[in-house]
Amino acid sequence: MIDSRSRQVMFAYVGSLPTRGRLLKQIATLQEAGLQCGVVLGNPDPEEPDPEAFSFPFQCIPVEQSRGRLTSFLQQLKFCRKAADRIVDSGADTVVCLALESLMAGVWAKKRKPSLRLIFDNNELHLESYGAGLKTRIWKPIHNRAIRRCDVILHAEENRMMYFKEHYDSGSAVQRVLENFPFFREQAPKRPEPAGNTRVIYLGGYGDEQFTLEIIEAFAAMDASVKLDIVGSGRPEFVARAKERLKELAVGHIRLLPAVPYPEIPELLESYHIGVSLYRNTNLNNYYCAPNKLYDYLMSGLPVITNRYPGLVKVIETNRVGACLEQVNADEIPKAVDSIVRERRWENITDELRRRYCWEQQVPDFLGVFGIAAGENAEA
């Protein structure tokens, strides 16, 4: 536990605010404990989010991310410089930087205000996910310098934290795991039996890394009674490829649908029977993945088709609440759907299991990072 208590927390983040469930859950928890929260948002979208849709104030700084990697990198650093000023001016005693792209905002703010506590929500193994190219060479010295200035580093998965501790010098930073669990819902929704009309969903960002074209090919070859919706967003060039392939296949049981705000996901999932969460094993970040969607599916009573990676096997196969694939192709995906329906694996998603993987299980440790005991109000 950090020595002094937080009362005002600023978050720095580059990306889409409505769909960033991990950030929204943290803010909701801190507000419930009586802390004041705000966000400095690096906004890549042409329009700003609707302020009425959020319970906290946010300040938008436009960030251009579609003109090449070098331009994106410079835009992110420019955002961090401006965000640092706003963090200091806010009077916050704690800053949480979500992902590497925003971390220098906290480092520069802390340089100006040494008493500021810096929490790095290291939700991914960023350098590992970048590969061995120019992007890694640019970000590595920034990453290695910045993590030594953090007071706390949060990780989204235990294997990621263990790897990070072994490979990086983070100085005296306290390190904790904060999983991507959803809030608990008292009762999983009841849905019709999938026999004769099985509805499958892939939720979230999609592209080559997520086997999206392989998923489309597999479901295109299946009976039209097995329907697939891909709900999310991807890079414009990939979305165009996916739409063109669907047009060539001329199937009516696969749809590409836009992303939905994170608070709307529980209602959305009530319409489906099975969830898909697949990542290509191109780096350790994917291999040690712990996606929001996996636990959102389970909270809604959906068995999951996913990879045979360590953390995923531990959740899915150990509890028999889905199927883990060795290979992602048009042979294995239909077999997974068939085994889930035949063995009625949704019946293994009990209330006890859903409570095990709910956000509330982590709240005491999470609040402890901010010097607040569970049930205590920071304003008391």
Protein backbone atom coordinates (compact mmCIF):
# COMPACT_ATOMS: atom_id res chain seq x y z
CA MET A 1 0.00 0.00 0.00
CA ILE A 2 1.22 3.47 -0.86
CA ASP A 3 1.87 5.61 2.22
CA SER A 4 -0.59 8.43 1.64
CA ARG A 5 -4.14 8.28 0.36
CA SER A 6 -5.23 9.40 -3.07
CA ARG A 7 -8.14 11.81 -3.32
CA GLN A 8 -7.90 13.12 -6.86
CA VAL A 9 -6.81 10.87 -9.74
CA MET A 10 -6.16 11.83 -13.34
CA PHE A 11 -5.99 9.22 -16.09
CA ALA A 12 -4.00 9.66 -19.30
CA TYR A 13 -5.08 7.57 -22.27
CA VAL A 14 -4.79 7.55 -26.07
CA GLY A 15 -7.68 5.86 -27.85
CA SER A 16 -11.45 5.45 -27.90
CA LEU A 17 -12.99 6.38 -24.55
CA PRO A 18 -16.45 4.75 -24.89
CA THR A 19 -15.05 1.28 -25.63
CA ARG A 20 -12.17 1.23 -23.11
CA GLY A 21 -13.75 -0.96 -20.46
CA ARG A 22 -10.61 -1.38 -18.34
CA LEU A 23 -10.34 2.36 -17.79
CA LEU A 24 -14.08 2.82 -17.19
CA LYS A 25 -14.13 0.07 -14.56
CA GLN A 26 -11.22 1.62 -12.68
CA ILE A 27 -12.85 5.03 -12.62
CA ALA A 28 -16.21 3.64 -11.48
CA THR A 29 -14.49 1.81 -8.60
CA LEU A 30 -12.53 4.86 -7.49
CA GLN A 31 -15.59 7.12 -7.67
CA GLU A 32 -17.54 4.63 -5.56
CA ALA A 33 -14.75 4.92 -2.96
CA GLY A 34 -15.11 8.70 -2.96
CA LEU A 35 -12.15 9.71 -5.15
CA GLN A 36 -12.42 12.44 -7.77
CA CYS A 37 -11.40 11.26 -11.24
CA GLY A 38 -10.76 12.88 -14.58
CA VAL A 39 -9.24 11.88 -17.92
CA VAL A 40 -6.85 13.57 -20.31
CA LEU A 41 -7.76 11.84 -23.56
CA GLY A 42 -5.63 11.57 -26.67
CA ASN A 43 -8.54 11.42 -29.08
CA PRO A 44 -7.88 9.81 -32.50
CA ASP A 45 -11.52 10.16 -33.59
CA PRO A 46 -12.79 13.10 -35.67
CA GLU A 47 -15.45 13.85 -33.05
CA GLU A 48 -15.15 14.17 -29.28
CA PRO A 49 -17.07 11.76 -27.03
CA ASP A 50 -20.39 12.96 -25.62
CA PRO A 51 -19.72 14.41 -22.12
CA GLU A 52 -23.22 13.41 -21.02
CA ALA A 53 -22.33 9.75 -21.47
CA PHE A 54 -19.72 9.75 -18.69
CA SER A 55 -19.75 10.34 -14.95
CA PHE A 56 -16.36 12.09 -14.97
CA PRO A 57 -14.85 15.10 -16.74
CA PHE A 58 -12.42 14.61 -19.57
CA GLN A 59 -10.21 16.87 -21.67
CA CYS A 60 -9.60 15.99 -25.31
CA ILE A 61 -6.33 16.48 -27.16
CA PRO A 62 -6.54 15.47 -30.86
CA VAL A 63 -4.09 12.74 -31.88
CA GLU A 64 -3.53 11.80 -35.53
CA GLN A 65 -2.84 8.05 -35.84
CA SER A 66 -3.45 7.31 -39.51
CA ARG A 67 -0.47 8.88 -41.27
CA GLY A 68 2.32 6.39 -40.63
CA ARG A 69 4.20 5.09 -37.63
CA LEU A 70 6.64 7.97 -37.24
CA THR A 71 3.85 10.54 -37.39
CA SER A 72 1.84 8.55 -34.85
CA PHE A 73 4.83 8.34 -32.51
CA LEU A 74 5.44 12.08 -32.70
CA GLN A 75 1.75 12.77 -32.16
CA GLN A 76 1.74 10.57 -29.06
CA LEU A 77 4.76 12.38 -27.58
CA LYS A 78 3.11 15.71 -28.37
CA PHE A 79 0.01 14.49 -26.56
CA CYS A 80 2.11 13.46 -23.54
CA ARG A 81 3.68 16.93 -23.31
CA LYS A 82 0.30 18.66 -23.35
CA ALA A 83 -1.25 16.06 -21.03
CA ALA A 84 1.55 16.52 -18.47
CA ASP A 85 0.68 20.21 -18.23
CA ARG A 86 -2.99 19.44 -17.68
CA ILE A 87 -2.26 16.78 -15.09
CA VAL A 88 -0.15 19.19 -13.04
CA ASP A 89 -2.69 22.00 -13.44
CA SER A 90 -5.52 19.70 -12.27
CA GLY A 91 -4.06 19.47 -8.75
CA ALA A 92 -4.30 15.66 -8.81
CA ASP A 93 -2.14 13.72 -6.36
CA THR A 94 -2.12 10.56 -8.51
CA VAL A 95 -1.92 9.91 -12.25
CA VAL A 96 -2.73 6.61 -13.96
CA CYS A 97 -1.24 6.21 -17.44
CA LEU A 98 -3.03 3.56 -19.46
CA ALA A 99 -0.61 1.85 -21.89
CA LEU A 100 2.86 2.88 -23.01
CA GLU A 101 1.63 5.55 -25.44
CA SER A 102 0.56 7.76 -22.53
CA LEU A 103 3.24 6.91 -19.96
CA MET A 104 5.52 9.88 -20.66
CA ALA A 105 2.63 12.18 -19.69
CA GLY A 106 2.95 10.85 -16.16
CA VAL A 107 6.75 10.91 -16.19
CA TRP A 108 6.88 14.55 -17.32
CA ALA A 109 4.12 15.54 -14.87
CA LYS A 110 5.99 13.85 -12.02
CA LYS A 111 9.19 15.66 -12.98
CA ARG A 112 7.38 18.97 -12.48
CA LYS A 113 5.51 17.76 -9.38
CA PRO A 114 7.68 15.19 -7.53
CA SER A 115 4.94 14.39 -4.99
CA LEU A 116 2.71 13.07 -7.77
CA ARG A 117 2.23 9.31 -7.59
CA LEU A 118 2.61 7.63 -10.96
CA ILE A 119 0.72 4.42 -11.71
CA PHE A 120 1.44 2.70 -15.02
CA ASP A 121 -1.41 0.47 -16.15
CA ASN A 122 0.80 -1.79 -18.24
CA ASN A 123 -2.12 -3.66 -19.72
CA GLU A 124 0.08 -5.30 -22.37
CA LEU A 125 3.67 -6.38 -22.96
CA HIS A 126 4.13 -3.45 -25.29
CA LEU A 127 7.67 -3.97 -26.59
CA GLU A 128 7.03 -7.65 -27.20
CA SER A 129 3.89 -6.82 -29.18
CA TYR A 130 5.80 -4.36 -31.40
CA GLY A 131 8.17 -6.97 -32.83
CA ALA A 132 11.82 -6.39 -33.75
CA GLY A 133 11.44 -3.39 -36.05
CA LEU A 134 11.83 0.36 -35.87
CA LYS A 135 8.89 0.83 -33.52
CA THR A 136 10.59 -1.23 -30.81
CA ARG A 137 13.92 0.54 -31.29
CA ILE A 138 12.19 3.90 -30.83
CA TRP A 139 10.06 2.94 -27.84
CA LYS A 140 12.51 0.69 -25.94
CA PRO A 141 14.69 3.44 -24.37
CA ILE A 142 11.57 5.44 -23.50
CA HIS A 143 9.93 2.37 -21.95
CA ASN A 144 13.00 1.34 -19.93
CA ARG A 145 13.58 4.84 -18.61
CA ALA A 146 9.95 5.55 -17.80
CA ILE A 147 9.15 2.37 -15.84
CA ARG A 148 11.88 3.21 -13.32
CA ARG A 149 9.98 6.39 -12.44
CA CYS A 150 6.71 4.61 -11.67
CA ASP A 151 5.41 4.06 -8.15
CA VAL A 152 3.09 1.22 -9.17
CA ILE A 153 2.87 -0.96 -12.29
CA LEU A 154 -0.36 -2.86 -12.97
CA HIS A 155 -0.47 -5.93 -15.24
CA ALA A 156 -3.50 -7.55 -16.86
CA GLU A 157 -2.29 -11.15 -16.46
CA GLU A 158 -0.07 -13.05 -14.02
CA ASN A 159 2.26 -14.56 -16.63
CA ARG A 160 2.82 -11.10 -18.10
CA MET A 161 3.79 -9.73 -14.70
CA MET A 162 6.22 -12.58 -14.06
CA TYR A 163 7.85 -12.07 -17.45
CA PHE A 164 8.02 -8.30 -16.94
CA LYS A 165 9.68 -8.63 -13.53
CA GLU A 166 12.28 -11.00 -14.96
CA HIS A 167 13.18 -8.94 -18.03
CA TYR A 168 12.88 -5.27 -17.00
CA ASP A 169 14.40 -3.11 -14.28
CA SER A 170 11.47 -1.20 -12.81
CA GLY A 171 13.36 0.14 -9.81
CA SER A 172 11.30 0.25 -6.61
CA ALA A 173 7.89 0.14 -8.32
CA VAL A 174 5.25 -2.01 -6.66
CA GLN A 175 3.78 -4.48 -9.18
CA ARG A 176 0.26 -5.92 -9.05
CA VAL A 177 -2.07 -7.95 -11.29
CA LEU A 178 -5.37 -6.31 -12.27
CA GLU A 179 -7.27 -8.74 -14.49
CA ASN A 180 -9.75 -7.70 -17.18
CA PHE A 181 -12.74 -9.05 -15.27
CA PRO A 182 -16.22 -7.50 -15.72
CA PHE A 183 -18.53 -6.33 -12.96
CA PHE A 184 -20.62 -9.16 -11.53
CA ARG A 185 -24.22 -9.48 -12.67
CA GLU A 186 -26.56 -11.27 -10.31
CA GLN A 187 -28.10 -13.52 -12.92
CA ALA A 188 -26.76 -14.67 -16.25
CA PRO A 189 -29.36 -14.10 -18.99
CA LYS A 190 -31.52 -16.98 -20.16
CA ARG A 191 -31.44 -17.61 -23.89
CA PRO A 192 -33.05 -20.12 -26.27
CA GLU A 193 -31.30 -23.44 -26.86
CA PRO A 194 -28.73 -23.09 -29.68
CA ALA A 195 -29.87 -26.20 -31.55
CA GLY A 196 -30.98 -25.17 -35.04
CA ASN A 197 -30.01 -21.52 -34.57
CA THR A 198 -26.59 -21.08 -32.98
CA ARG A 199 -25.53 -17.43 -32.72
CA VAL A 200 -21.79 -16.77 -32.34
CA ILE A 201 -20.08 -13.43 -31.68
CA TYR A 202 -16.56 -12.12 -32.05
CA LEU A 203 -16.29 -8.92 -29.99
CA GLY A 204 -13.63 -6.21 -30.12
CA GLY A 205 -10.78 -5.13 -32.36
CA TYR A 206 -10.15 -7.41 -35.32
CA GLY A 207 -7.56 -7.96 -38.04
CA ASP A 208 -4.82 -10.38 -39.08
CA GLU A 209 -3.61 -10.72 -35.47
CA GLN A 210 -7.07 -11.98 -34.47
CA PHE A 211 -7.45 -14.56 -37.30
CA THR A 212 -10.43 -12.63 -38.64
CA LEU A 213 -10.25 -13.91 -42.22
CA GLU A 214 -9.75 -17.47 -41.00
CA ILE A 215 -12.80 -17.10 -38.77
CA ILE A 216 -14.85 -15.80 -41.70
CA GLU A 217 -13.75 -18.70 -43.94
CA ALA A 218 -14.60 -21.26 -41.26
CA PHE A 219 -18.10 -19.95 -40.62
CA ALA A 220 -18.77 -19.43 -44.33
CA ALA A 221 -18.27 -23.18 -44.80
CA MET A 222 -20.69 -24.02 -41.97
CA ASP A 223 -24.44 -24.43 -42.15
CA ALA A 224 -26.36 -21.16 -42.31
CA SER A 225 -28.07 -22.04 -39.03
CA VAL A 226 -24.75 -21.18 -37.32
CA LYS A 227 -24.61 -17.40 -37.53
CA LEU A 228 -21.57 -15.20 -36.84
CA ASP A 229 -21.45 -11.51 -35.96
CA ILE A 230 -18.10 -9.69 -35.80
CA VAL A 231 -18.78 -6.67 -33.60
CA GLY A 232 -15.93 -4.20 -33.30
CA SER A 233 -13.45 -2.23 -35.36
CA GLY A 234 -10.30 -2.71 -37.37
CA ARG A 235 -7.87 -0.77 -39.49
CA PRO A 236 -9.69 0.68 -42.53
CA GLU A 237 -7.61 -1.32 -45.01
CA PHE A 238 -8.37 -4.58 -43.21
CA VAL A 239 -12.08 -3.79 -42.89
CA ALA A 240 -12.15 -3.27 -46.65
CA ARG A 241 -10.50 -6.67 -47.19
CA ALA A 242 -12.95 -8.41 -44.87
CA LYS A 243 -15.96 -6.80 -46.56
CA GLU A 244 -14.65 -7.76 -50.00
CA ARG A 245 -14.14 -11.36 -48.90
CA LEU A 246 -17.68 -11.53 -47.51
CA LYS A 247 -18.98 -10.18 -50.80
CA GLU A 248 -17.07 -12.89 -52.70
CA LEU A 249 -18.37 -15.62 -50.39
CA ALA A 250 -21.96 -14.35 -50.80
CA VAL A 251 -23.11 -15.72 -47.43
CA GLY A 252 -25.92 -14.24 -45.39
CA HIS A 253 -25.09 -15.70 -41.99
CA ILE A 254 -21.94 -13.60 -41.31
CA ARG A 255 -22.07 -9.89 -40.49
CA LEU A 256 -19.55 -7.14 -39.74
CA LEU A 257 -21.09 -4.76 -37.20
CA PRO A 258 -19.71 -1.56 -35.60
CA ALA A 259 -18.23 -1.45 -32.09
CA VAL A 260 -20.53 -0.68 -29.18
CA PRO A 261 -19.75 1.29 -25.99
CA TYR A 262 -18.49 -0.93 -23.19
CA PRO A 263 -21.53 -0.41 -20.90
CA GLU A 264 -23.80 -1.81 -23.64
CA ILE A 265 -21.93 -5.11 -23.97
CA PRO A 266 -23.94 -7.12 -21.38
CA GLU A 267 -27.21 -6.39 -23.20
CA LEU A 268 -25.60 -7.13 -26.56
CA LEU A 269 -24.32 -10.54 -25.44
CA GLU A 270 -27.79 -11.67 -24.37
CA SER A 271 -28.50 -12.44 -28.04
CA TYR A 272 -25.68 -14.97 -28.49
CA HIS A 273 -24.74 -18.52 -27.53
CA ILE A 274 -20.96 -18.72 -28.05
CA GLY A 275 -18.13 -16.15 -27.96
CA VAL A 276 -14.90 -16.19 -29.97
CA SER A 277 -11.56 -14.79 -28.73
CA LEU A 278 -8.54 -15.70 -30.88
CA TYR A 279 -5.03 -14.21 -31.12
CA ARG A 280 -2.19 -15.22 -33.42
CA ASN A 281 0.88 -16.48 -31.52
CA THR A 282 3.28 -13.96 -33.01
CA ASN A 283 4.59 -12.56 -29.72
CA LEU A 284 4.52 -13.09 -25.96
CA ASN A 285 1.90 -10.40 -25.48
CA ASN A 286 -0.57 -12.51 -27.48
CA TYR A 287 0.62 -15.77 -25.92
CA TYR A 288 0.00 -14.38 -22.43
CA CYS A 289 -3.24 -12.65 -23.41
CA ALA A 290 -6.05 -11.89 -20.95
CA PRO A 291 -8.73 -10.16 -23.05
CA ASN A 292 -11.75 -8.32 -21.70
CA LYS A 293 -13.98 -10.23 -24.08
CA LEU A 294 -13.10 -13.63 -22.61
CA TYR A 295 -14.48 -12.70 -19.20
CA ASP A 296 -17.36 -10.64 -20.62
CA TYR A 297 -18.49 -13.76 -22.47
CA LEU A 298 -18.34 -15.90 -19.34
CA MET A 299 -20.17 -13.32 -17.23
CA SER A 300 -22.98 -13.46 -19.81
CA GLY A 301 -23.04 -17.26 -19.79
CA LEU A 302 -21.35 -17.78 -23.17
CA PRO A 303 -18.84 -20.61 -23.66
CA VAL A 304 -15.70 -19.43 -25.44
CA ILE A 305 -13.70 -20.60 -28.45
CA THR A 306 -10.12 -19.47 -27.91
CA ASN A 307 -6.45 -20.45 -28.23
CA ARG A 308 -4.54 -23.08 -26.31
CA TYR A 309 -2.40 -20.51 -24.47
CA PRO A 310 -1.45 -20.82 -20.77
CA GLY A 311 -3.87 -18.35 -19.18
CA LEU A 312 -6.71 -19.31 -21.52
CA VAL A 313 -6.38 -23.05 -20.93
CA LYS A 314 -6.41 -22.40 -17.18
CA VAL A 315 -9.77 -20.65 -17.44
CA ILE A 316 -11.53 -22.39 -20.33
CA GLU A 317 -10.39 -26.01 -20.37
CA THR A 318 -9.98 -26.45 -16.63
CA ASN A 319 -13.58 -25.35 -16.12
CA ARG A 320 -14.88 -26.93 -19.37
CA VAL A 321 -16.55 -23.69 -20.43
CA GLY A 322 -15.53 -23.68 -24.08
CA ALA A 323 -12.86 -25.04 -26.42
CA CYS A 324 -9.16 -24.20 -26.84
CA LEU A 325 -7.80 -24.64 -30.37
CA GLU A 326 -4.37 -25.93 -31.33
CA GLN A 327 -4.87 -24.63 -34.87
CA VAL A 328 -7.24 -21.93 -36.12
CA ASN A 329 -8.73 -23.10 -39.41
CA ALA A 330 -11.91 -24.22 -41.18
CA ASP A 331 -11.61 -27.72 -39.70
CA GLU A 332 -11.04 -26.91 -36.03
CA ILE A 333 -13.52 -24.05 -35.53
CA PRO A 334 -16.61 -26.09 -36.60
CA LYS A 335 -15.46 -28.94 -34.34
CA ALA A 336 -15.26 -26.51 -31.44
CA VAL A 337 -18.77 -25.18 -32.07
CA ASP A 338 -20.09 -28.74 -32.31
CA SER A 339 -18.42 -29.91 -29.09
CA ILE A 340 -19.71 -26.90 -27.14
CA VAL A 341 -23.30 -27.45 -28.29
CA ARG A 342 -23.18 -31.26 -28.02
CA GLU A 343 -21.77 -31.20 -24.48
CA ARG A 344 -23.88 -28.20 -23.40
CA ARG A 345 -20.83 -26.50 -21.93
CA TRP A 346 -22.76 -23.35 -21.07
CA GLU A 347 -24.19 -25.35 -18.17
CA ASN A 348 -20.71 -25.29 -16.56
CA ILE A 349 -20.79 -21.48 -16.32
CA THR A 350 -22.13 -21.39 -12.78
CA ASP A 351 -22.67 -18.41 -10.50
CA GLU A 352 -19.65 -19.57 -8.50
CA LEU A 353 -17.47 -19.45 -11.61
CA ARG A 354 -18.79 -16.05 -12.64
CA ARG A 355 -18.03 -14.68 -9.17
CA ARG A 356 -14.50 -16.06 -9.39
CA TYR A 357 -13.86 -14.00 -12.51
CA CYS A 358 -15.63 -10.78 -11.57
CA TRP A 359 -14.13 -7.32 -11.06
CA GLU A 360 -15.35 -7.10 -7.46
CA GLN A 361 -12.90 -9.86 -6.45
CA GLN A 362 -10.04 -7.45 -7.19
CA VAL A 363 -11.45 -4.28 -5.65
CA PRO A 364 -9.74 -4.55 -2.22
CA ASP A 365 -6.27 -4.94 -3.78
CA PHE A 366 -6.98 -2.29 -6.39
CA LEU A 367 -8.12 0.27 -3.82
CA GLY A 368 -5.10 -0.59 -1.69
CA VAL A 369 -2.89 0.75 -4.46
CA PHE A 370 -4.54 4.14 -3.82
CA GLY A 371 -4.23 3.86 -0.05
CA ILE A 372 -7.95 3.15 0.43
CA ALA A 373 -9.27 0.16 2.38
CA ALA A 374 -12.31 -1.59 0.88
CA GLY A 375 -15.47 -0.01 2.29
CA GLU A 376 -13.63 3.16 3.26
CA ASN A 377 -14.50 6.49 1.70
CA ALA A 378 -11.52 8.58 0.63
CA GLU A 379 -13.34 11.77 1.59
CA ALA A 380 -14.02 10.62 5.15
